């Protein structure tokens, strides 16, 4: 979870508030459809709290929604490596890799997401599409 740090100094030109404030505003911007602005704020928060999975997940989502797929893949990969039980991070990693054109690389994380949560249709649908694309390329 994101922790507030009392007394966080605001740097000139930087966002006002502490890390928790940056996180909250970043998530709100993301929800309101401003992923680029959210990513900028969440990058600042991730720099201050580099081990926070909640900040990293929000940052990865903002990067993905800003079409910064390689950066999103890197952020989702960090989450997967630090906590291999995060099904959403596997899904996000697979989707980001897919968007970068690494269809082969997208298959494994999507398969992991489906194995962990076979009840989520969008996970299954993404994996099915990836496998169909790979099969078509091999044929």
Protein backbone atom coordinates (compact mmCIF):
# COMPACT_ATOMS: atom_id res chain seq x y z
CA UNK A 1 0.00 0.00 0.00
CA UNK A 2 1.07 3.58 -0.56
CA UNK A 3 2.25 5.25 2.59
CA UNK A 4 2.09 8.96 3.25
CA UNK A 5 5.35 10.50 4.29
CA UNK A 6 4.82 13.47 6.48
CA UNK A 7 7.07 16.38 5.73
CA UNK A 8 7.82 15.44 2.13
CA UNK A 9 9.48 18.47 0.66
CA UNK A 10 7.93 19.82 -2.50
CA UNK A 11 10.60 20.50 -5.09
CA UNK A 12 10.37 23.59 -7.28
CA UNK A 13 8.18 22.78 -10.27
CA UNK A 14 7.17 19.45 -8.74
CA UNK A 15 3.72 18.35 -7.61
CA UNK A 16 2.36 19.63 -4.33
CA UNK A 17 1.80 17.20 -1.49
CA UNK A 18 3.29 13.90 -0.46
CA UNK A 19 3.57 10.56 -2.23
CA UNK A 20 0.11 9.46 -1.17
CA UNK A 21 -1.36 12.70 -2.57
CA UNK A 22 0.46 12.13 -5.88
CA UNK A 23 -0.82 8.57 -6.02
CA UNK A 24 -4.42 9.59 -5.29
CA UNK A 25 -4.35 12.39 -7.87
CA UNK A 26 -2.69 10.11 -10.42
CA UNK A 27 -5.37 7.45 -10.01
CA UNK A 28 -8.09 10.09 -10.26
CA UNK A 29 -6.55 11.48 -13.48
CA UNK A 30 -6.40 7.96 -14.88
CA UNK A 31 -10.05 7.34 -14.01
CA UNK A 32 -11.01 10.68 -15.58
CA UNK A 33 -9.34 9.77 -18.89
CA UNK A 34 -6.08 11.70 -18.60
CA UNK A 35 -3.52 8.87 -18.68
CA UNK A 36 -0.55 10.99 -19.78
CA UNK A 37 -1.03 13.42 -16.88
CA UNK A 38 -1.59 10.47 -14.55
CA UNK A 39 1.62 8.81 -15.74
CA UNK A 40 3.65 11.95 -15.09
CA UNK A 41 2.39 12.19 -11.52
CA UNK A 42 2.67 8.45 -10.87
CA UNK A 43 6.24 8.40 -12.21
CA UNK A 44 7.06 10.97 -9.55
CA UNK A 45 5.37 8.82 -6.91
CA UNK A 46 7.19 5.67 -8.11
CA UNK A 47 10.48 7.53 -7.88
CA UNK A 48 9.75 8.39 -4.27
CA UNK A 49 8.33 4.95 -3.36
CA UNK A 50 10.02 2.52 -5.79
CA UNK A 51 8.85 -0.61 -3.94
CA UNK A 52 5.12 0.28 -3.93
CA UNK A 53 3.16 -2.23 -6.01
CA UNK A 54 0.02 -0.10 -5.94
CA UNK A 55 1.87 2.88 -7.39
CA UNK A 56 3.55 0.65 -9.98
CA UNK A 57 0.25 -0.87 -11.06
CA UNK A 58 -1.40 2.53 -11.46
CA UNK A 59 1.68 3.76 -13.34
CA UNK A 60 1.64 0.72 -15.64
CA UNK A 61 -2.05 1.30 -16.42
CA UNK A 62 -1.39 4.98 -17.12
CA UNK A 63 1.55 4.14 -19.38
CA UNK A 64 -0.51 1.55 -21.26
CA UNK A 65 -3.43 3.94 -21.71
CA UNK A 66 -0.97 6.59 -22.94
CA UNK A 67 0.23 4.13 -25.61
CA UNK A 68 3.64 3.89 -23.93
CA UNK A 69 3.55 0.11 -24.26
CA UNK A 70 7.25 -0.66 -23.73
CA UNK A 71 7.26 1.34 -20.50
CA UNK A 72 4.00 -0.32 -19.43
CA UNK A 73 5.51 -3.75 -20.11
CA UNK A 74 8.50 -2.84 -17.97
CA UNK A 75 6.27 -1.67 -15.12
CA UNK A 76 4.03 -4.74 -15.29
CA UNK A 77 7.13 -6.98 -15.47
CA UNK A 78 8.44 -5.37 -12.26
CA UNK A 79 5.16 -6.25 -10.51
CA UNK A 80 5.23 -9.84 -11.79
CA UNK A 81 8.83 -10.28 -10.67
CA UNK A 82 8.18 -8.84 -7.22
CA UNK A 83 4.89 -10.69 -6.69
CA UNK A 84 4.25 -13.64 -9.03
CA UNK A 85 0.68 -14.06 -7.74
CA UNK A 86 -0.59 -10.85 -9.39
CA UNK A 87 -2.82 -12.11 -12.22
CA UNK A 88 -3.63 -8.59 -13.42
CA UNK A 89 0.08 -7.80 -13.82
CA UNK A 90 0.51 -10.89 -16.02
CA UNK A 91 -2.47 -9.78 -18.08
CA UNK A 92 -1.14 -6.23 -18.35
CA UNK A 93 2.32 -7.48 -19.31
CA UNK A 94 0.87 -9.71 -22.01
CA UNK A 95 -1.30 -6.94 -23.41
CA UNK A 96 1.57 -4.43 -23.40
CA UNK A 97 3.88 -6.90 -25.16
CA UNK A 98 1.15 -7.60 -27.70
CA UNK A 99 0.86 -3.88 -28.42
CA UNK A 100 4.62 -3.60 -28.94
CA UNK A 101 4.34 -6.34 -31.57
CA UNK A 102 5.92 -9.06 -29.42
CA UNK A 103 3.09 -11.52 -29.94
CA UNK A 104 5.24 -14.54 -29.08
CA UNK A 105 6.34 -12.87 -25.83
CA UNK A 106 2.74 -11.94 -24.96
CA UNK A 107 1.59 -15.54 -24.97
CA UNK A 108 3.25 -16.71 -21.74
CA UNK A 109 2.09 -13.91 -19.41
CA UNK A 110 -1.43 -14.12 -20.83
CA UNK A 111 -1.42 -17.90 -20.30
CA UNK A 112 -0.34 -17.31 -16.69
CA UNK A 113 -3.16 -14.80 -16.18
CA UNK A 114 -5.68 -17.28 -17.59
CA UNK A 115 -4.29 -20.11 -15.46
CA UNK A 116 -4.69 -17.94 -12.38
CA UNK A 117 -8.11 -16.52 -13.28
CA UNK A 118 -9.85 -18.70 -15.90
CA UNK A 119 -13.15 -17.06 -14.95
CA UNK A 120 -12.15 -13.69 -16.46
CA UNK A 121 -13.39 -13.60 -20.05
CA UNK A 122 -11.12 -10.78 -21.17
CA UNK A 123 -8.07 -12.77 -20.08
CA UNK A 124 -9.27 -15.83 -22.01
CA UNK A 125 -10.22 -13.76 -25.05
CA UNK A 126 -6.81 -12.10 -25.24
CA UNK A 127 -5.00 -15.44 -24.98
CA UNK A 128 -7.28 -16.98 -27.61
CA UNK A 129 -6.54 -14.12 -30.01
CA UNK A 130 -2.79 -14.34 -29.41
CA UNK A 131 -2.79 -18.09 -30.04
CA UNK A 132 -4.90 -17.73 -33.17
CA UNK A 133 -2.51 -15.09 -34.51
CA UNK A 134 0.50 -17.29 -33.77
CA UNK A 135 -1.19 -20.31 -35.39
CA UNK A 136 -2.02 -18.26 -38.49
CA UNK A 137 1.57 -17.08 -38.77
CA UNK A 138 2.89 -20.63 -38.51
CA UNK A 139 0.47 -21.96 -41.14
